[in-house]
C-alpha cells in the first residue's frame, strides 16, 4: 500500500470509531440523566430507587392508558347492555345478557 492509501484507511477507521464513540456517549448521557432524575426525586426517607424507575414509570403510564381505554369500552358496553335489555334471547337479568354474549363470542 502506498502511504496515501494507508492514511485514507486510517482516517476511515477513525471516522467509524468517532461515530461509535458518539453513539455510546449518547447512551451514557441518557443513563446519567436518568440517574440524576432518580437522585433528585423526593421520596420518603426509607425509599431508595434505582435508575430503572423512569423506565418503569413509562411502562406504568402506558399500561394505565391501556387500562383506561378498556374501562371506557366496558362502560360503553354496560351502558348499551343496560339500555338495550331485554335482548332477543331468553334471560332474566343483565348478567344473563353477559353470559349470552360470552357464548356468542365463544368464550364459555
N, C-alpha and C. Protein backbone atom coordinates (compact mmCIF):
# COMPACT_ATOMS: atom_id res chain seq x y z
N UNK A 1 0.83 -1.19 0.00
CA UNK A 1 0.00 0.00 0.00
C UNK A 1 0.88 1.25 0.00
N UNK A 2 0.36 2.20 -0.65
CA UNK A 2 1.05 3.48 -0.63
C UNK A 2 0.66 4.23 0.64
N UNK A 3 1.50 5.14 1.01
CA UNK A 3 1.26 5.87 2.26
C UNK A 3 -0.07 6.62 2.23
N UNK A 4 -0.48 7.11 1.06
CA UNK A 4 -1.77 7.81 0.97
C UNK A 4 -2.93 6.86 1.23
N UNK A 5 -2.83 5.64 0.73
CA UNK A 5 -3.88 4.64 0.96
C UNK A 5 -3.95 4.27 2.43
N UNK A 6 -2.80 4.15 3.04
CA UNK A 6 -2.75 3.81 4.47
C UNK A 6 -3.40 4.93 5.28
N UNK A 7 -3.06 6.15 4.95
CA UNK A 7 -3.63 7.31 5.65
C UNK A 7 -5.15 7.35 5.45
N UNK A 8 -5.61 7.14 4.21
CA UNK A 8 -7.06 7.14 3.94
C UNK A 8 -7.76 6.04 4.72
N UNK A 9 -7.14 4.87 4.76
CA UNK A 9 -7.71 3.74 5.50
C UNK A 9 -7.80 4.07 7.00
N UNK A 10 -6.75 4.66 7.53
CA UNK A 10 -6.75 5.04 8.94
C UNK A 10 -7.78 6.13 9.23
N UNK A 11 -7.93 7.08 8.32
CA UNK A 11 -8.92 8.14 8.51
C UNK A 11 -10.35 7.57 8.49
N UNK A 12 -10.59 6.58 7.63
CA UNK A 12 -11.89 5.91 7.62
C UNK A 12 -12.15 5.21 8.94
N UNK A 13 -11.15 4.51 9.44
CA UNK A 13 -11.30 3.82 10.72
C UNK A 13 -11.54 4.80 11.85
N UNK A 14 -10.84 5.92 11.84
CA UNK A 14 -11.03 6.95 12.86
C UNK A 14 -12.46 7.51 12.79
N UNK A 15 -12.95 7.75 11.60
CA UNK A 15 -14.31 8.28 11.44
C UNK A 15 -15.34 7.29 11.98
N UNK A 16 -15.16 6.00 11.69
CA UNK A 16 -16.07 4.98 12.20
C UNK A 16 -16.01 4.90 13.73
N UNK A 17 -14.82 4.99 14.26
CA UNK A 17 -14.67 4.95 15.72
C UNK A 17 -15.31 6.17 16.38
N UNK A 18 -15.19 7.33 15.75
CA UNK A 18 -15.82 8.54 16.29
C UNK A 18 -17.34 8.40 16.29
N UNK A 19 -17.89 7.81 15.22
CA UNK A 19 -19.33 7.60 15.15
C UNK A 19 -19.78 6.65 16.25
N UNK A 20 -19.04 5.58 16.44
CA UNK A 20 -19.35 4.62 17.50
C UNK A 20 -19.23 5.27 18.88
N UNK A 21 -18.19 6.07 19.07
CA UNK A 21 -18.00 6.78 20.34
C UNK A 21 -19.16 7.71 20.62
N UNK A 22 -19.62 8.44 19.59
CA UNK A 22 -20.71 9.38 19.77
C UNK A 22 -22.01 8.66 20.15
N UNK A 23 -22.25 7.53 19.55
CA UNK A 23 -23.45 6.75 19.90
C UNK A 23 -23.36 6.25 21.34
N UNK A 24 -22.19 5.78 21.73
CA UNK A 24 -22.01 5.30 23.10
C UNK A 24 -22.13 6.45 24.10
N UNK A 25 -21.64 7.63 23.73
CA UNK A 25 -21.75 8.78 24.61
C UNK A 25 -23.21 9.19 24.78
N UNK A 26 -23.99 9.13 23.71
CA UNK A 26 -25.41 9.47 23.81
C UNK A 26 -26.13 8.51 24.75
N UNK A 27 -25.81 7.24 24.66
CA UNK A 27 -26.40 6.25 25.56
C UNK A 27 -25.99 6.53 27.00
N UNK A 28 -24.72 6.81 27.21
CA UNK A 28 -24.23 7.12 28.55
C UNK A 28 -24.91 8.38 29.09
N UNK A 29 -25.08 9.38 28.25
CA UNK A 29 -25.76 10.61 28.67
C UNK A 29 -27.19 10.33 29.11
N UNK A 30 -27.87 9.43 28.41
CA UNK A 30 -29.23 9.04 28.81
C UNK A 30 -29.22 8.39 30.18
N UNK A 31 -28.28 7.48 30.40
CA UNK A 31 -28.17 6.82 31.71
C UNK A 31 -27.89 7.83 32.82
N UNK A 32 -26.99 8.75 32.54
CA UNK A 32 -26.65 9.76 33.55
C UNK A 32 -27.85 10.64 33.85
N UNK A 33 -28.60 11.04 32.83
CA UNK A 33 -29.79 11.87 33.05
C UNK A 33 -30.82 11.12 33.88
N UNK A 34 -31.04 9.85 33.58
CA UNK A 34 -31.98 9.05 34.36
C UNK A 34 -31.50 8.92 35.80
N UNK A 35 -30.22 8.69 35.99
CA UNK A 35 -29.65 8.54 37.33
C UNK A 35 -29.84 9.82 38.13
N UNK A 36 -29.56 10.95 37.50
CA UNK A 36 -29.73 12.24 38.19
C UNK A 36 -31.20 12.49 38.53
N UNK A 37 -32.10 12.13 37.62
CA UNK A 37 -33.52 12.30 37.90
C UNK A 37 -33.95 11.49 39.10
N UNK A 38 -33.42 10.28 39.21
CA UNK A 38 -33.75 9.43 40.35
C UNK A 38 -33.18 10.03 41.63
N UNK A 39 -31.96 10.51 41.58
CA UNK A 39 -31.36 11.08 42.78
C UNK A 39 -32.05 12.37 43.21
N UNK A 40 -32.55 13.13 42.27
CA UNK A 40 -33.23 14.39 42.59
C UNK A 40 -34.65 14.19 43.05
N UNK A 41 -35.17 13.00 42.86
CA UNK A 41 -36.55 12.71 43.19
C UNK A 41 -36.76 12.77 44.70
N UNK A 42 -37.86 13.37 45.11
CA UNK A 42 -38.19 13.46 46.53
C UNK A 42 -39.03 12.26 46.92
N UNK A 43 -38.48 11.41 47.74
CA UNK A 43 -39.16 10.20 48.18
C UNK A 43 -39.13 10.16 49.70
N UNK A 44 -39.89 9.24 50.22
CA UNK A 44 -39.81 9.01 51.65
C UNK A 44 -38.39 8.59 52.00
N UNK A 45 -37.97 8.89 53.21
CA UNK A 45 -36.57 8.62 53.59
C UNK A 45 -36.21 7.14 53.55
N UNK A 46 -37.21 6.26 53.66
CA UNK A 46 -36.91 4.84 53.67
C UNK A 46 -36.95 4.22 52.28
N UNK A 47 -37.18 5.04 51.25
CA UNK A 47 -37.24 4.52 49.89
C UNK A 47 -35.93 4.81 49.16
N UNK A 48 -35.50 3.84 48.41
CA UNK A 48 -34.34 4.00 47.54
C UNK A 48 -34.73 3.50 46.17
N UNK A 49 -34.33 4.22 45.14
CA UNK A 49 -34.68 3.84 43.78
C UNK A 49 -33.43 3.60 42.95
N UNK A 50 -33.60 2.75 41.96
CA UNK A 50 -32.51 2.53 41.01
C UNK A 50 -32.82 3.31 39.74
N UNK A 51 -31.92 3.27 38.81
CA UNK A 51 -32.11 4.04 37.57
C UNK A 51 -33.18 3.45 36.67
N UNK A 52 -33.73 2.30 37.01
CA UNK A 52 -34.79 1.72 36.19
C UNK A 52 -36.13 2.40 36.44
N UNK A 53 -36.23 3.21 37.49
CA UNK A 53 -37.51 3.81 37.87
C UNK A 53 -38.14 4.62 36.73
N UNK A 54 -37.41 5.52 36.06
CA UNK A 54 -38.06 6.28 34.98
C UNK A 54 -38.62 5.38 33.88
N UNK A 55 -37.90 4.31 33.57
CA UNK A 55 -38.37 3.39 32.53
C UNK A 55 -39.61 2.64 33.00
N UNK A 56 -39.60 2.23 34.25
CA UNK A 56 -40.77 1.54 34.80
C UNK A 56 -41.98 2.48 34.86
N UNK A 57 -41.74 3.73 35.18
CA UNK A 57 -42.84 4.70 35.20
C UNK A 57 -43.44 4.88 33.81
N UNK A 58 -42.61 4.87 32.79
CA UNK A 58 -43.13 4.97 31.42
C UNK A 58 -44.01 3.77 31.10
N UNK A 59 -43.57 2.59 31.51
CA UNK A 59 -44.37 1.38 31.26
C UNK A 59 -45.67 1.41 32.03
N UNK A 60 -45.62 1.91 33.26
CA UNK A 60 -46.84 2.04 34.05
C UNK A 60 -47.80 3.01 33.39
N UNK A 61 -47.29 4.13 32.92
CA UNK A 61 -48.14 5.13 32.26
C UNK A 61 -48.82 4.53 31.02
N UNK A 62 -48.08 3.75 30.24
CA UNK A 62 -48.66 3.11 29.06
C UNK A 62 -49.71 2.08 29.47
N UNK A 63 -49.42 1.31 30.52
CA UNK A 63 -50.39 0.31 30.99
C UNK A 63 -51.65 0.98 31.53
N UNK A 64 -51.48 2.10 32.21
CA UNK A 64 -52.65 2.82 32.73
C UNK A 64 -53.50 3.37 31.60
N UNK A 65 -52.86 3.86 30.54
CA UNK A 65 -53.61 4.36 29.39
C UNK A 65 -54.40 3.23 28.74
N UNK A 66 -53.77 2.06 28.62
CA UNK A 66 -54.46 0.90 28.05
C UNK A 66 -55.63 0.49 28.95
N UNK A 67 -55.39 0.47 30.26
CA UNK A 67 -56.46 0.14 31.21
C UNK A 67 -57.63 1.12 31.08
N UNK A 68 -57.32 2.41 30.96
CA UNK A 68 -58.37 3.41 30.84
C UNK A 68 -59.19 3.22 29.57
N UNK A 69 -58.53 2.82 28.49
CA UNK A 69 -59.25 2.55 27.24
C UNK A 69 -60.18 1.36 27.41
N UNK A 70 -59.69 0.30 28.07
CA UNK A 70 -60.54 -0.87 28.33
C UNK A 70 -61.71 -0.51 29.24
N UNK A 71 -61.45 0.33 30.23
CA UNK A 71 -62.51 0.75 31.15
C UNK A 71 -63.58 1.52 30.39
N UNK A 72 -63.17 2.41 29.51
CA UNK A 72 -64.14 3.18 28.71
C UNK A 72 -64.97 2.25 27.84
N UNK A 73 -64.33 1.25 27.25
CA UNK A 73 -65.08 0.27 26.45
C UNK A 73 -66.08 -0.49 27.32
N UNK A 74 -65.64 -0.87 28.51
CA UNK A 74 -66.54 -1.61 29.41
C UNK A 74 -67.72 -0.73 29.83
N UNK A 75 -67.46 0.52 30.11
CA UNK A 75 -68.55 1.41 30.50
C UNK A 75 -69.53 1.62 29.35
N UNK A 76 -69.02 1.74 28.12
CA UNK A 76 -69.92 1.86 26.96
C UNK A 76 -70.75 0.60 26.80
N UNK A 77 -70.11 -0.55 26.98
CA UNK A 77 -70.84 -1.81 26.87
C UNK A 77 -71.94 -1.89 27.93
N UNK A 78 -71.61 -1.57 29.17
CA UNK A 78 -72.61 -1.63 30.24
C UNK A 78 -73.77 -0.68 29.96
N UNK A 79 -73.45 0.52 29.48
CA UNK A 79 -74.49 1.49 29.16
C UNK A 79 -75.41 0.92 28.09
N UNK A 80 -74.83 0.36 27.04
CA UNK A 80 -75.61 -0.22 25.96
C UNK A 80 -76.40 -1.43 26.45
N UNK A 81 -75.75 -2.31 27.17
CA UNK A 81 -76.42 -3.51 27.67
C UNK A 81 -77.60 -3.15 28.56
N UNK A 82 -77.40 -2.21 29.46
CA UNK A 82 -78.46 -1.85 30.40
C UNK A 82 -79.64 -1.17 29.71
N UNK A 83 -79.41 -0.46 28.62
CA UNK A 83 -80.49 0.23 27.92
C UNK A 83 -81.15 -0.63 26.84
N UNK A 84 -80.42 -1.63 26.38
CA UNK A 84 -80.95 -2.47 25.32
C UNK A 84 -81.65 -3.72 25.86
N UNK A 85 -81.71 -3.86 27.17
CA UNK A 85 -82.35 -5.03 27.78
C UNK A 85 -83.85 -4.93 27.59
N UNK A 86 -84.60 -5.93 27.26
CA UNK A 86 -84.15 -7.30 27.04
C UNK A 86 -83.69 -7.51 25.61
N UNK A 87 -82.77 -8.40 25.47
CA UNK A 87 -82.29 -8.77 24.15
C UNK A 87 -83.25 -9.80 23.55
N UNK A 88 -82.92 -10.29 22.39
CA UNK A 88 -83.79 -11.25 21.71
C UNK A 88 -83.65 -12.66 22.26
N UNK A 89 -82.78 -12.88 23.20
CA UNK A 89 -82.66 -14.21 23.80
C UNK A 89 -83.42 -14.22 25.12
N UNK A 90 -83.66 -15.40 25.61
CA UNK A 90 -84.37 -15.52 26.88
C UNK A 90 -83.38 -15.38 28.03
N UNK A 91 -83.76 -14.57 28.99
CA UNK A 91 -82.93 -14.38 30.16
C UNK A 91 -83.66 -13.47 31.13
N UNK A 92 -83.17 -13.42 32.35
CA UNK A 92 -83.87 -12.67 33.38
C UNK A 92 -83.09 -11.48 33.92
N UNK A 93 -81.87 -11.29 33.47
CA UNK A 93 -81.06 -10.22 34.06
C UNK A 93 -79.97 -9.77 33.10
N UNK A 94 -79.34 -8.62 33.40
CA UNK A 94 -78.18 -8.20 32.60
C UNK A 94 -77.05 -9.23 32.64
N UNK A 95 -76.93 -9.96 33.76
CA UNK A 95 -75.90 -10.99 33.83
C UNK A 95 -76.17 -12.10 32.81
N UNK A 96 -77.48 -12.39 32.57
CA UNK A 96 -77.83 -13.35 31.53
C UNK A 96 -77.38 -12.82 30.17
N UNK A 97 -77.51 -11.50 29.98
CA UNK A 97 -77.05 -10.89 28.73
C UNK A 97 -75.54 -11.09 28.56
N UNK A 98 -74.81 -10.87 29.66
CA UNK A 98 -73.35 -11.07 29.61
C UNK A 98 -73.03 -12.52 29.22
N UNK A 99 -73.71 -13.46 29.85
CA UNK A 99 -73.46 -14.87 29.56
C UNK A 99 -73.78 -15.19 28.11
N UNK A 100 -74.89 -14.64 27.59
CA UNK A 100 -75.26 -14.90 26.20
C UNK A 100 -74.24 -14.30 25.24
N UNK A 101 -73.74 -13.13 25.57
CA UNK A 101 -72.72 -12.50 24.73
C UNK A 101 -71.45 -13.34 24.74
N UNK A 102 -71.07 -13.83 25.93
CA UNK A 102 -69.88 -14.68 26.03
C UNK A 102 -70.04 -15.95 25.19
N UNK A 103 -71.23 -16.56 25.24
CA UNK A 103 -71.48 -17.77 24.44
C UNK A 103 -71.38 -17.42 22.96
N UNK A 104 -72.00 -16.31 22.57
CA UNK A 104 -71.98 -15.92 21.17
C UNK A 104 -70.56 -15.64 20.69
N UNK A 105 -69.72 -15.14 21.60
CA UNK A 105 -68.33 -14.84 21.25
C UNK A 105 -67.45 -16.07 21.38
N UNK A 106 -68.00 -17.18 21.89
CA UNK A 106 -67.22 -18.40 22.03
C UNK A 106 -66.30 -18.38 23.22
N UNK A 107 -66.66 -17.66 24.28
CA UNK A 107 -65.78 -17.53 25.44
C UNK A 107 -66.25 -18.36 26.64
N UNK A 108 -67.12 -19.32 26.45
CA UNK A 108 -67.52 -20.14 27.60
C UNK A 108 -67.12 -21.57 27.36
